[in-house]
Amino acid sequence: MRGMIYVVPLFLLLSACSHKPYGRLCPGEVSTLSGQVTGRSQAWVFDEIQRFTVTDNGTTVQSGYLHSVNRSLYVPSATTSEGFMAQRLSTDRFRIIDAGQDAMVTWTCPVSAPAP
């Protein structure tokens, strides 16, 4: 019983510090690399701060660890396992680029309201 006194607070502390990604349904714009709009998209974006996941019609793309030498000068980016470029443009904007197909999708997520 005495051991439970120490285990319960430790469990609560660890669970309070864990970060769960939350998904947002985000509208997107499909365009060529030069910026010509070719269509629209809508996908669930799960933001994990250092990486993100996009799910659209059953297809999921994980960005991998986003990095930048200097975040004030360069956009944090990564290459996905599929060979796409993934970029975190801001806290609410995410982009996947397929250079081979001359296409990119930029999702702008609704600003999330803080919990009451």
PDB file of N, CA and C in Angstrom:
ATOM      1  N   MET A   1       0.825  -1.194   0.000  1.00  0.00           N
ATOM      2  CA  MET A   1       0.000   0.000   0.000  1.00  0.00           C
ATOM      3  C   MET A   1       0.865   1.252   0.000  1.00  0.00           C
ATOM      4  N   ARG A   2       1.973   1.185   0.756  1.00  0.00           N
ATOM      5  CA  ARG A   2       2.862   2.334   0.835  1.00  0.00           C
ATOM      6  C   ARG A   2       3.494   2.640  -0.533  1.00  0.00           C
ATOM      7  N   GLY A   3       3.740   1.612  -1.306  1.00  0.00           N
ATOM      8  CA  GLY A   3       4.309   1.813  -2.634  1.00  0.00           C
ATOM      9  C   GLY A   3       3.360   2.561  -3.560  1.00  0.00           C
ATOM     10  N   MET A   4       2.072   2.342  -3.392  1.00  0.00           N
ATOM     11  CA  MET A   4       1.066   3.024  -4.210  1.00  0.00           C
ATOM     12  C   MET A   4       1.090   4.529  -3.996  1.00  0.00           C
ATOM     13  N   ILE A   5       1.470   4.940  -2.806  1.00  0.00           N
ATOM     14  CA  ILE A   5       1.527   6.376  -2.505  1.00  0.00           C
ATOM     15  C   ILE A   5       2.536   7.069  -3.410  1.00  0.00           C
ATOM     16  N   TYR A   6       3.591   6.363  -3.787  1.00  0.00           N
ATOM     17  CA  TYR A   6       4.615   6.942  -4.653  1.00  0.00           C
ATOM     18  C   TYR A   6       4.328   6.715  -6.137  1.00  0.00           C
ATOM     19  N   VAL A   7       3.689   5.595  -6.462  1.00  0.00           N
ATOM     20  CA  VAL A   7       3.427   5.261  -7.855  1.00  0.00           C
ATOM     21  C   VAL A   7       2.355   6.160  -8.461  1.00  0.00           C
ATOM     22  N   VAL A   8       1.277   6.416  -7.751  1.00  0.00           N
ATOM     23  CA  VAL A   8       0.177   7.215  -8.293  1.00  0.00           C
ATOM     24  C   VAL A   8       0.622   8.634  -8.647  1.00  0.00           C
ATOM     25  N   PRO A   9       1.310   9.366  -7.753  1.00  0.00           N
ATOM     26  CA  PRO A   9       1.757  10.704  -8.152  1.00  0.00           C
ATOM     27  C   PRO A   9       2.746  10.687  -9.320  1.00  0.00           C
ATOM     28  N   LEU A  10       3.609   9.675  -9.382  1.00  0.00           N
ATOM     29  CA  LEU A  10       4.561   9.570 -10.493  1.00  0.00           C
ATOM     30  C   LEU A  10       3.808   9.349 -11.798  1.00  0.00           C
ATOM     31  N   PHE A  11       2.808   8.478 -11.782  1.00  0.00           N
ATOM     32  CA  PHE A  11       2.004   8.231 -12.974  1.00  0.00           C
ATOM     33  C   PHE A  11       1.296   9.499 -13.430  1.00  0.00           C
ATOM     34  N   LEU A  12       0.706  10.224 -12.491  1.00  0.00           N
ATOM     35  CA  LEU A  12       0.014  11.473 -12.829  1.00  0.00           C
ATOM     36  C   LEU A  12       0.972  12.503 -13.398  1.00  0.00           C
ATOM     37  N   LEU A  13       2.162  12.585 -12.848  1.00  0.00           N
ATOM     38  CA  LEU A  13       3.153  13.529 -13.342  1.00  0.00           C
ATOM     39  C   LEU A  13       3.566  13.181 -14.762  1.00  0.00           C
ATOM     40  N   LEU A  14       3.824  11.916 -15.023  1.00  0.00           N
ATOM     41  CA  LEU A  14       4.240  11.499 -16.361  1.00  0.00           C
ATOM     42  C   LEU A  14       3.132  11.677 -17.387  1.00  0.00           C
ATOM     43  N   SER A  15       1.905  11.370 -17.011  1.00  0.00           N
ATOM     44  CA  SER A  15       0.812  11.527 -17.976  1.00  0.00           C
ATOM     45  C   SER A  15       0.495  12.996 -18.228  1.00  0.00           C
ATOM     46  N   ALA A  16       0.709  13.861 -17.275  1.00  0.00           N
ATOM     47  CA  ALA A  16       0.460  15.287 -17.465  1.00  0.00           C
ATOM     48  C   ALA A  16       1.502  15.911 -18.377  1.00  0.00           C
ATOM     49  N   CYS A  17       2.699  15.359 -18.397  1.00  0.00           N
ATOM     50  CA  CYS A  17       3.775  15.920 -19.210  1.00  0.00           C
ATOM     51  C   CYS A  17       3.786  15.375 -20.635  1.00  0.00           C
ATOM     52  N   SER A  18       3.023  14.338 -20.901  1.00  0.00           N
ATOM     53  CA  SER A  18       3.044  13.767 -22.238  1.00  0.00           C
ATOM     54  C   SER A  18       2.274  14.672 -23.191  1.00  0.00           C
ATOM     55  N   HIS A  19       2.738  14.715 -24.427  1.00  0.00           N
ATOM     56  CA  HIS A  19       2.102  15.546 -25.444  1.00  0.00           C
ATOM     57  C   HIS A  19       1.414  14.631 -26.439  1.00  0.00           C
ATOM     58  N   LYS A  20       0.111  14.753 -26.558  1.00  0.00           N
ATOM     59  CA  LYS A  20      -0.625  13.988 -27.545  1.00  0.00           C
ATOM     60  C   LYS A  20      -0.883  14.891 -28.742  1.00  0.00           C
ATOM     61  N   PRO A  21      -0.592  14.396 -29.940  1.00  0.00           N
ATOM     62  CA  PRO A  21      -0.913  15.214 -31.107  1.00  0.00           C
ATOM     63  C   PRO A  21      -2.427  15.321 -31.259  1.00  0.00           C
ATOM     64  N   TYR A  22      -2.873  16.447 -31.697  1.00  0.00           N
ATOM     65  CA  TYR A  22      -4.301  16.616 -31.929  1.00  0.00           C
ATOM     66  C   TYR A  22      -4.500  16.880 -33.410  1.00  0.00           C
ATOM     67  N   GLY A  23      -5.552  16.298 -33.927  1.00  0.00           N
ATOM     68  CA  GLY A  23      -5.816  16.445 -35.348  1.00  0.00           C
ATOM     69  C   GLY A  23      -6.764  17.592 -35.626  1.00  0.00           C
ATOM     70  N   ARG A  24      -6.511  18.251 -36.734  1.00  0.00           N
ATOM     71  CA  ARG A  24      -7.395  19.317 -37.200  1.00  0.00           C
ATOM     72  C   ARG A  24      -7.718  19.047 -38.661  1.00  0.00           C
ATOM     73  N   LEU A  25      -8.960  19.235 -39.022  1.00  0.00           N
ATOM     74  CA  LEU A  25      -9.371  19.112 -40.414  1.00  0.00           C
ATOM     75  C   LEU A  25      -9.035  20.430 -41.096  1.00  0.00           C
ATOM     76  N   CYS A  26      -8.127  20.363 -42.058  1.00  0.00           N
ATOM     77  CA  CYS A  26      -7.577  21.587 -42.654  1.00  0.00           C
ATOM     78  C   CYS A  26      -7.818  21.635 -44.159  1.00  0.00           C
ATOM     79  N   PRO A  27      -8.297  22.764 -44.666  1.00  0.00           N
ATOM     80  CA  PRO A  27      -8.416  22.927 -46.106  1.00  0.00           C
ATOM     81  C   PRO A  27      -7.029  23.158 -46.709  1.00  0.00           C
ATOM     82  N   GLY A  28      -6.856  22.693 -47.947  1.00  0.00           N
ATOM     83  CA  GLY A  28      -5.563  22.854 -48.592  1.00  0.00           C
ATOM     84  C   GLY A  28      -5.696  23.333 -50.018  1.00  0.00           C
ATOM     85  N   GLU A  29      -4.593  23.849 -50.506  1.00  0.00           N
ATOM     86  CA  GLU A  29      -4.530  24.329 -51.880  1.00  0.00           C
ATOM     87  C   GLU A  29      -3.473  23.520 -52.621  1.00  0.00           C
ATOM     88  N   VAL A  30      -3.868  22.900 -53.725  1.00  0.00           N
ATOM     89  CA  VAL A  30      -2.952  22.132 -54.563  1.00  0.00           C
ATOM     90  C   VAL A  30      -2.459  23.069 -55.652  1.00  0.00           C
ATOM     91  N   SER A  31      -1.146  23.096 -55.858  1.00  0.00           N
ATOM     92  CA  SER A  31      -0.599  23.984 -56.876  1.00  0.00           C
ATOM     93  C   SER A  31       0.674  23.386 -57.473  1.00  0.00           C
ATOM     94  N   THR A  32       1.117  24.010 -58.564  1.00  0.00           N
ATOM     95  CA  THR A  32       2.397  23.636 -59.147  1.00  0.00           C
ATOM     96  C   THR A  32       3.503  24.281 -58.316  1.00  0.00           C
ATOM     97  N   LEU A  33       4.733  23.894 -58.566  1.00  0.00           N
ATOM     98  CA  LEU A  33       5.844  24.486 -57.821  1.00  0.00           C
ATOM     99  C   LEU A  33       6.001  25.970 -58.114  1.00  0.00           C
ATOM    100  N   SER A  34       5.530  26.416 -59.254  1.00  0.00           N
ATOM    101  CA  SER A  34       5.581  27.842 -59.569  1.00  0.00           C
ATOM    102  C   SER A  34       4.439  28.627 -58.946  1.00  0.00           C
ATOM    103  N   GLY A  35       3.467  27.917 -58.335  1.00  0.00           N
ATOM    104  CA  GLY A  35       2.397  28.600 -57.615  1.00  0.00           C
ATOM    105  C   GLY A  35       1.059  28.640 -58.305  1.00  0.00           C
ATOM    106  N   GLN A  36       0.940  28.027 -59.476  1.00  0.00           N
ATOM    107  CA  GLN A  36      -0.346  28.025 -60.184  1.00  0.00           C
ATOM    108  C   GLN A  36      -1.294  27.040 -59.496  1.00  0.00           C
ATOM    109  N   VAL A  37      -2.426  27.524 -59.023  1.00  0.00           N
ATOM    110  CA  VAL A  37      -3.394  26.693 -58.304  1.00  0.00           C
ATOM    111  C   VAL A  37      -4.047  25.712 -59.274  1.00  0.00           C
ATOM    112  N   THR A  38      -4.054  24.430 -58.880  1.00  0.00           N
ATOM    113  CA  THR A  38      -4.635  23.392 -59.732  1.00  0.00           C
ATOM    114  C   THR A  38      -5.791  22.657 -59.050  1.00  0.00           C
ATOM    115  N   GLY A  39      -6.024  22.934 -57.772  1.00  0.00           N
ATOM    116  CA  GLY A  39      -7.124  22.254 -57.107  1.00  0.00           C
ATOM    117  C   GLY A  39      -7.172  22.541 -55.615  1.00  0.00           C
ATOM    118  N   ARG A  40      -8.064  21.843 -54.954  1.00  0.00           N
ATOM    119  CA  ARG A  40      -8.253  21.994 -53.507  1.00  0.00           C
ATOM    120  C   ARG A  40      -8.114  20.627 -52.852  1.00  0.00           C
ATOM    121  N   SER A  41      -7.833  20.660 -51.583  1.00  0.00           N
ATOM    122  CA  SER A  41      -7.680  19.443 -50.799  1.00  0.00           C
ATOM    123  C   SER A  41      -8.243  19.678 -49.408  1.00  0.00           C
ATOM    124  N   GLN A  42      -8.496  18.610 -48.704  1.00  0.00           N
ATOM    125  CA  GLN A  42      -8.880  18.698 -47.308  1.00  0.00           C
ATOM    126  C   GLN A  42      -8.297  17.473 -46.636  1.00  0.00           C
ATOM    127  N   ALA A  43      -7.598  17.672 -45.527  1.00  0.00           N
ATOM    128  CA  ALA A  43      -6.937  16.556 -44.860  1.00  0.00           C
ATOM    129  C   ALA A  43      -6.884  16.801 -43.360  1.00  0.00           C
ATOM    130  N   TRP A  44      -6.697  15.717 -42.632  1.00  0.00           N
ATOM    131  CA  TRP A  44      -6.471  15.810 -41.190  1.00  0.00           C
ATOM    132  C   TRP A  44      -4.980  15.990 -40.987  1.00  0.00           C
ATOM    133  N   VAL A  45      -4.609  17.024 -40.252  1.00  0.00           N
ATOM    134  CA  VAL A  45      -3.211  17.281 -39.931  1.00  0.00           C
ATOM    135  C   VAL A  45      -3.039  17.085 -38.429  1.00  0.00           C
ATOM    136  N   PHE A  46      -2.107  16.206 -38.078  1.00  0.00           N
ATOM    137  CA  PHE A  46      -1.793  15.933 -36.675  1.00  0.00           C
ATOM    138  C   PHE A  46      -0.449  16.580 -36.378  1.00  0.00           C
ATOM    139  N   ASP A  47      -0.483  17.622 -35.592  1.00  0.00           N
ATOM    140  CA  ASP A  47       0.699  18.426 -35.293  1.00  0.00           C
ATOM    141  C   ASP A  47       1.397  17.882 -34.056  1.00  0.00           C
ATOM    142  N   GLU A  48       2.658  17.532 -34.213  1.00  0.00           N
ATOM    143  CA  GLU A  48       3.449  17.044 -33.091  1.00  0.00           C
ATOM    144  C   GLU A  48       4.648  17.958 -32.823  1.00  0.00           C
ATOM    145  N   ILE A  49       4.557  19.211 -33.163  1.00  0.00           N
ATOM    146  CA  ILE A  49       5.572  20.245 -32.978  1.00  0.00           C
ATOM    147  C   ILE A  49       6.820  19.976 -33.821  1.00  0.00           C
ATOM    148  N   GLN A  50       7.555  18.912 -33.560  1.00  0.00           N
ATOM    149  CA  GLN A  50       8.787  18.616 -34.302  1.00  0.00           C
ATOM    150  C   GLN A  50       8.538  17.791 -35.563  1.00  0.00           C
ATOM    151  N   ARG A  51       7.306  17.333 -35.735  1.00  0.00           N
ATOM    152  CA  ARG A  51       6.922  16.562 -36.917  1.00  0.00           C
ATOM    153  C   ARG A  51       5.407  16.676 -37.061  1.00  0.00           C
ATOM    154  N   PHE A  52       4.904  16.286 -38.218  1.00  0.00           N
ATOM    155  CA  PHE A  52       3.456  16.278 -38.404  1.00  0.00           C
ATOM    156  C   PHE A  52       3.065  15.118 -39.309  1.00  0.00           C
ATOM    157  N   THR A  53       1.786  14.763 -39.251  1.00  0.00           N
ATOM    158  CA  THR A  53       1.241  13.690 -40.070  1.00  0.00           C
ATOM    159  C   THR A  53       0.015  14.231 -40.784  1.00  0.00           C
ATOM    160  N   VAL A  54      -0.104  13.903 -42.061  1.00  0.00           N
ATOM    161  CA  VAL A  54      -1.254  14.322 -42.861  1.00  0.00           C
ATOM    162  C   VAL A  54      -1.986  13.071 -43.330  1.00  0.00           C
ATOM    163  N   THR A  55      -3.309  13.035 -43.114  1.00  0.00           N
ATOM    164  CA  THR A  55      -4.130  11.912 -43.562  1.00  0.00           C
ATOM    165  C   THR A  55      -5.222  12.448 -44.466  1.00  0.00           C
ATOM    166  N   ASP A  56      -5.265  11.919 -45.688  1.00  0.00           N
ATOM    167  CA  ASP A  56      -6.226  12.368 -46.689  1.00  0.00           C
ATOM    168  C   ASP A  56      -6.754  11.147 -47.429  1.00  0.00           C
ATOM    169  N   ASN A  57      -8.050  10.891 -47.332  1.00  0.00           N
ATOM    170  CA  ASN A  57      -8.699   9.765 -48.030  1.00  0.00           C
ATOM    171  C   ASN A  57      -7.981   8.442 -47.784  1.00  0.00           C
ATOM    172  N   GLY A  58      -7.608   8.177 -46.546  1.00  0.00           N
ATOM    173  CA  GLY A  58      -6.974   6.911 -46.202  1.00  0.00           C
ATOM    174  C   GLY A  58      -5.476   6.854 -46.445  1.00  0.00           C
ATOM    175  N   THR A  59      -4.898   7.873 -47.055  1.00  0.00           N
ATOM    176  CA  THR A  59      -3.454   7.932 -47.278  1.00  0.00           C
ATOM    177  C   THR A  59      -2.826   8.783 -46.194  1.00  0.00           C
ATOM    178  N   THR A  60      -1.766   8.275 -45.583  1.00  0.00           N
ATOM    179  CA  THR A  60      -1.087   8.988 -44.507  1.00  0.00           C
ATOM    180  C   THR A  60       0.361   9.239 -44.882  1.00  0.00           C
ATOM    181  N   VAL A  61       0.794  10.476 -44.680  1.00  0.00           N
ATOM    182  CA  VAL A  61       2.192  10.849 -44.910  1.00  0.00           C
ATOM    183  C   VAL A  61       2.729  11.439 -43.614  1.00  0.00           C
ATOM    184  N   GLN A  62       3.841  10.893 -43.147  1.00  0.00           N
ATOM    185  CA  GLN A  62       4.494  11.404 -41.949  1.00  0.00           C
ATOM    186  C   GLN A  62       5.704  12.221 -42.373  1.00  0.00           C
ATOM    187  N   SER A  63       5.825  13.415 -41.799  1.00  0.00           N
ATOM    188  CA  SER A  63       6.901  14.314 -42.213  1.00  0.00           C
ATOM    189  C   SER A  63       8.280  13.835 -41.795  1.00  0.00           C
ATOM    190  N   GLY A  64       8.367  13.145 -40.686  1.00  0.00           N
ATOM    191  CA  GLY A  64       9.673  12.856 -40.112  1.00  0.00           C
ATOM    192  C   GLY A  64      10.104  14.061 -39.292  1.00  0.00           C
ATOM    193  N   TYR A  65      11.264  13.981 -38.695  1.00  0.00           N
ATOM    194  CA  TYR A  65      11.748  15.062 -37.835  1.00  0.00           C
ATOM    195  C   TYR A  65      12.076  16.300 -38.670  1.00  0.00           C
ATOM    196  N   LEU A  66      11.404  17.406 -38.376  1.00  0.00           N
ATOM    197  CA  LEU A  66      11.626  18.670 -39.089  1.00  0.00           C
ATOM    198  C   LEU A  66      12.819  19.390 -38.478  1.00  0.00           C
ATOM    199  N   HIS A  67      13.686  19.898 -39.324  1.00  0.00           N
ATOM    200  CA  HIS A  67      14.839  20.620 -38.794  1.00  0.00           C
ATOM    201  C   HIS A  67      15.180  21.804 -39.685  1.00  0.00           C
ATOM    202  N   SER A  68      15.893  22.736 -39.083  1.00  0.00           N
ATOM    203  CA  SER A  68      16.344  23.935 -39.775  1.00  0.00           C
ATOM    204  C   SER A  68      17.603  24.416 -39.084  1.00  0.00           C
ATOM    205  N   VAL A  69      18.580  24.848 -39.853  1.00  0.00           N
ATOM    206  CA  VAL A  69      19.810  25.370 -39.277  1.00  0.00           C
ATOM    207  C   VAL A  69      19.512  26.630 -38.473  1.00  0.00           C
ATOM    208  N   ASN A  70      18.625  27.463 -39.010  1.00  0.00           N
ATOM    209  CA  ASN A  70      18.242  28.701 -38.340  1.00  0.00           C
ATOM    210  C   ASN A  70      16.767  28.944 -38.643  1.00  0.00           C
ATOM    211  N   ARG A  71      15.905  28.708 -37.659  1.00  0.00           N
ATOM    212  CA  ARG A  71      14.459  28.802 -37.889  1.00  0.00           C
ATOM    213  C   ARG A  71      13.991  30.204 -38.254  1.00  0.00           C
ATOM    214  N   SER A  72      14.780  31.224 -37.944  1.00  0.00           N
ATOM    215  CA  SER A  72      14.375  32.581 -38.327  1.00  0.00           C
ATOM    216  C   SER A  72      14.689  32.856 -39.803  1.00  0.00           C
ATOM    217  N   LEU A  73      15.552  32.045 -40.413  1.00  0.00           N
ATOM    218  CA  LEU A  73      15.896  32.231 -41.822  1.00  0.00           C
ATOM    219  C   LEU A  73      15.370  31.133 -42.744  1.00  0.00           C
ATOM    220  N   TYR A  74      15.271  29.905 -42.217  1.00  0.00           N
ATOM    221  CA  TYR A  74      14.923  28.763 -43.052  1.00  0.00           C
ATOM    222  C   TYR A  74      13.708  28.027 -42.483  1.00  0.00           C
ATOM    223  N   VAL A  75      12.854  27.546 -43.370  1.00  0.00           N
ATOM    224  CA  VAL A  75      11.652  26.812 -42.987  1.00  0.00           C
ATOM    225  C   VAL A  75      12.049  25.417 -42.498  1.00  0.00           C
ATOM    226  N   PRO A  76      11.562  24.997 -41.319  1.00  0.00           N
ATOM    227  CA  PRO A  76      11.842  23.633 -40.873  1.00  0.00           C
ATOM    228  C   PRO A  76      11.267  22.629 -41.865  1.00  0.00           C
ATOM    229  N   SER A  77      12.087  21.675 -42.285  1.00  0.00           N
ATOM    230  CA  SER A  77      11.649  20.740 -43.308  1.00  0.00           C
ATOM    231  C   SER A  77      12.296  19.375 -43.109  1.00  0.00           C
ATOM    232  N   ALA A  78      11.770  18.411 -43.838  1.00  0.00           N
ATOM    233  CA  ALA A  78      12.284  17.043 -43.798  1.00  0.00           C
ATOM    234  C   ALA A  78      11.894  16.356 -45.096  1.00  0.00           C
ATOM    235  N   THR A  79      12.541  15.235 -45.374  1.00  0.00           N
ATOM    236  CA  THR A  79      12.173  14.404 -46.505  1.00  0.00           C
ATOM    237  C   THR A  79      11.421  13.199 -45.964  1.00  0.00           C
ATOM    238  N   THR A  80      10.234  12.958 -46.495  1.00  0.00           N
ATOM    239  CA  THR A  80       9.420  11.839 -46.020  1.00  0.00           C
ATOM    240  C   THR A  80       9.974  10.521 -46.564  1.00  0.00           C
ATOM    241  N   SER A  81       9.477   9.422 -46.037  1.00  0.00           N
ATOM    242  CA  SER A  81       9.925   8.111 -46.515  1.00  0.00           C
ATOM    243  C   SER A  81       9.497   7.874 -47.968  1.00  0.00           C
ATOM    244  N   GLU A  82       8.465   8.598 -48.420  1.00  0.00           N
ATOM    245  CA  GLU A  82       8.012   8.496 -49.817  1.00  0.00           C
ATOM    246  C   GLU A  82       8.832   9.373 -50.757  1.00  0.00           C
ATOM    247  N   GLY A  83       9.696  10.208 -50.210  1.00  0.00           N
ATOM    248  CA  GLY A  83      10.529  11.078 -51.034  1.00  0.00           C
ATOM    249  C   GLY A  83       9.975  12.474 -51.232  1.00  0.00           C
ATOM    250  N   PHE A  84       8.923  12.831 -50.514  1.00  0.00           N
ATOM    251  CA  PHE A  84       8.359  14.177 -50.600  1.00  0.00           C
ATOM    252  C   PHE A  84       9.107  15.110 -49.657  1.00  0.00           C
ATOM    253  N   MET A  85       9.022  16.397 -49.912  1.00  0.00           N
ATOM    254  CA  MET A  85       9.539  17.403 -48.986  1.00  0.00           C
ATOM    255  C   MET A  85       8.379  17.829 -48.108  1.00  0.00           C
ATOM    256  N   ALA A  86       8.584  17.807 -46.801  1.00  0.00           N
ATOM    257  CA  ALA A  86       7.567  18.241 -45.843  1.00  0.00           C
ATOM    258  C   ALA A  86       8.065  19.504 -45.165  1.00  0.00           C
ATOM    259  N   GLN A  87       7.198  20.507 -45.060  1.00  0.00           N
ATOM    260  CA  GLN A  87       7.575  21.781 -44.450  1.00  0.00           C
ATOM    261  C   GLN A  87       6.519  22.220 -43.451  1.00  0.00           C
ATOM    262  N   ARG A  88       6.993  22.775 -42.352  1.00  0.00           N
ATOM    263  CA  ARG A  88       6.112  23.421 -41.382  1.00  0.00           C
ATOM    264  C   ARG A  88       6.300  24.923 -41.592  1.00  0.00           C
ATOM    265  N   LEU A  89       5.328  25.568 -42.241  1.00  0.00           N
ATOM    266  CA  LEU A  89       5.444  26.979 -42.584  1.00  0.00           C
ATOM    267  C   LEU A  89       5.144  27.894 -41.404  1.00  0.00           C
ATOM    268  N   SER A  90       4.252  27.445 -40.522  1.00  0.00           N
ATOM    269  CA  SER A  90       3.908  28.187 -39.309  1.00  0.00           C
ATOM    270  C   SER A  90       3.202  27.217 -38.382  1.00  0.00           C
ATOM    271  N   THR A  91       2.665  27.715 -37.286  1.00  0.00           N
ATOM    272  CA  THR A  91       1.955  26.829 -36.367  1.00  0.00           C
ATOM    273  C   THR A  91       0.669  26.286 -36.975  1.00  0.00           C
ATOM    274  N   ASP A  92       0.163  26.921 -38.020  1.00  0.00           N
ATOM    275  CA  ASP A  92      -1.095  26.520 -38.627  1.00  0.00           C
ATOM    276  C   ASP A  92      -0.999  26.206 -40.114  1.00  0.00           C
ATOM    277  N   ARG A  93       0.221  26.228 -40.694  1.00  0.00           N
ATOM    278  CA  ARG A  93       0.373  25.966 -42.136  1.00  0.00           C
ATOM    279  C   ARG A  93       1.421  24.880 -42.355  1.00  0.00           C
ATOM    280  N   PHE A  94       1.032  23.881 -43.172  1.00  0.00           N
ATOM    281  CA  PHE A  94       1.884  22.733 -43.441  1.00  0.00           C
ATOM    282  C   PHE A  94       1.894  22.476 -44.939  1.00  0.00           C
ATOM    283  N   ARG A  95       3.033  21.977 -45.458  1.00  0.00           N
ATOM    284  CA  ARG A  95       3.140  21.769 -46.895  1.00  0.00           C
ATOM    285  C   ARG A  95       3.853  20.447 -47.180  1.00  0.00           C
ATOM    286  N   ILE A  96       3.346  19.750 -48.205  1.00  0.00           N
ATOM    287  CA  ILE A  96       3.999  18.565 -48.757  1.00  0.00           C
ATOM    288  C   ILE A  96       4.286  18.871 -50.220  1.00  0.00           C
ATOM    289  N   ILE A  97       5.532  18.637 -50.642  1.00  0.00           N
ATOM    290  CA  ILE A  97       5.958  18.944 -52.013  1.00  0.00           C
ATOM    291  C   ILE A  97       6.390  17.654 -52.707  1.00  0.00           C
ATOM    292  N   ASP A  98       5.875  17.444 -53.912  1.00  0.00           N
ATOM    293  CA  ASP A  98       6.296  16.338 -54.769  1.00  0.00           C
ATOM    294  C   ASP A  98       6.930  16.958 -56.010  1.00  0.00           C
ATOM    295  N   ALA A  99       8.238  17.136 -55.963  1.00  0.00           N
ATOM    296  CA  ALA A  99       8.946  17.814 -57.054  1.00  0.00           C
ATOM    297  C   ALA A  99       8.859  17.024 -58.358  1.00  0.00           C
ATOM    298  N   GLY A 100       8.838  15.703 -58.277  1.00  0.00           N
ATOM    299  CA  GLY A 100       8.760  14.877 -59.480  1.00  0.00           C
ATOM    300  C   GLY A 100       7.467  15.069 -60.249  1.00  0.00           C
ATOM    301  N   GLN A 101       6.396  15.405 -59.554  1.00  0.00           N
ATOM    302  CA  GLN A 101       5.091  15.633 -60.182  1.00  0.00           C
ATOM    303  C   GLN A 101       4.776  17.116 -60.353  1.00  0.00           C
ATOM    304  N   ASP A 102       5.750  17.995 -60.024  1.00  0.00           N
ATOM    305  CA  ASP A 102       5.560  19.450 -60.083  1.00  0.00           C
ATOM    306  C   ASP A 102       4.289  19.846 -59.326  1.00  0.00           C
ATOM    307  N   ALA A 103       4.177  19.340 -58.082  1.00  0.00           N
ATOM    308  CA  ALA A 103       2.970  19.606 -57.306  1.00  0.00           C
ATOM    309  C   ALA A 103       3.310  19.805 -55.832  1.00  0.00           C
ATOM    310  N   MET A 104       2.488  20.619 -55.182  1.00  0.00           N
ATOM    311  CA  MET A 104       2.590  20.787 -53.742  1.00  0.00           C
ATOM    312  C   MET A 104       1.199  21.070 -53.193  1.00  0.00           C
ATOM    313  N   VAL A 105       1.015  20.697 -51.930  1.00  0.00           N
ATOM    314  CA  VAL A 105      -0.242  20.970 -51.239  1.00  0.00           C
ATOM    315  C   VAL A 105       0.103  21.724 -49.970  1.00  0.00           C
ATOM    316  N   THR A 106      -0.567  22.857 -49.770  1.00  0.00           N
ATOM    317  CA  THR A 106      -0.375  23.664 -48.576  1.00  0.00           C
ATOM    318  C   THR A 106      -1.688  23.692 -47.804  1.00  0.00           C
ATOM    319  N   TRP A 107      -1.639  23.152 -46.572  1.00  0.00           N
ATOM    320  CA  TRP A 107      -2.826  23.141 -45.719  1.00  0.00           C
ATOM    321  C   TRP A 107      -2.734  24.283 -44.727  1.00  0.00           C
ATOM    322  N   THR A 108      -3.811  25.033 -44.607  1.00  0.00           N
ATOM    323  CA  THR A 108      -3.920  26.103 -43.614  1.00  0.00           C
ATOM    324  C   THR A 108      -5.004  25.681 -42.633  1.00  0.00           C
ATOM    325  N   CYS A 109      -4.569  25.367 -41.432  1.00  0.00           N
ATOM    326  CA  CYS A 109      -5.484  24.836 -40.425  1.00  0.00           C
ATOM    327  C   CYS A 109      -6.162  25.961 -39.667  1.00  0.00           C
ATOM    328  N   PRO A 110      -7.390  25.713 -39.225  1.00  0.00           N
ATOM    329  CA  PRO A 110      -8.069  26.712 -38.406  1.00  0.00           C
ATOM    330  C   PRO A 110      -7.285  26.907 -37.104  1.00  0.00           C
ATOM    331  N   VAL A 111      -7.259  28.127 -36.647  1.00  0.00           N
ATOM    332  CA  VAL A 111      -6.543  28.432 -35.398  1.00  0.00           C
ATOM    333  C   VAL A 111      -7.263  27.720 -34.271  1.00  0.00           C
ATOM    334  N   SER A 112      -6.505  26.973 -33.511  1.00  0.00           N
ATOM    335  CA  SER A 112      -7.126  26.226 -32.414  1.00  0.00           C
ATOM    336  C   SER A 112      -7.289  27.115 -31.202  1.00  0.00           C
ATOM    337  N   ALA A 113      -8.451  27.041 -30.606  1.00  0.00           N
ATOM    338  CA  ALA A 113      -8.744  27.852 -29.427  1.00  0.00           C
ATOM    339  C   ALA A 113      -8.198  27.142 -28.187  1.00  0.00           C
ATOM    340  N   PRO A 114      -7.644  27.885 -27.225  1.00  0.00           N
ATOM    341  CA  PRO A 114      -7.178  27.255 -26.009  1.00  0.00           C
ATOM    342  C   PRO A 114      -8.347  26.666 -25.223  1.00  0.00           C
ATOM    343  N   ALA A 115      -8.064  25.570 -24.550  1.00  0.00           N
ATOM    344  CA  ALA A 115      -9.124  24.923 -23.760  1.00  0.00           C
ATOM    345  C   ALA A 115      -9.505  25.798 -22.577  1.00  0.00           C
ATOM    346  N   PRO A 116     -10.814  25.847 -22.254  1.00  0.00           N
ATOM    347  CA  PRO A 116     -11.257  26.689 -21.137  1.00  0.00           C
ATOM    348  C   PRO A 116     -10.798  26.163 -19.800  1.00  0.00           C
TER     349      PRO A 116
END
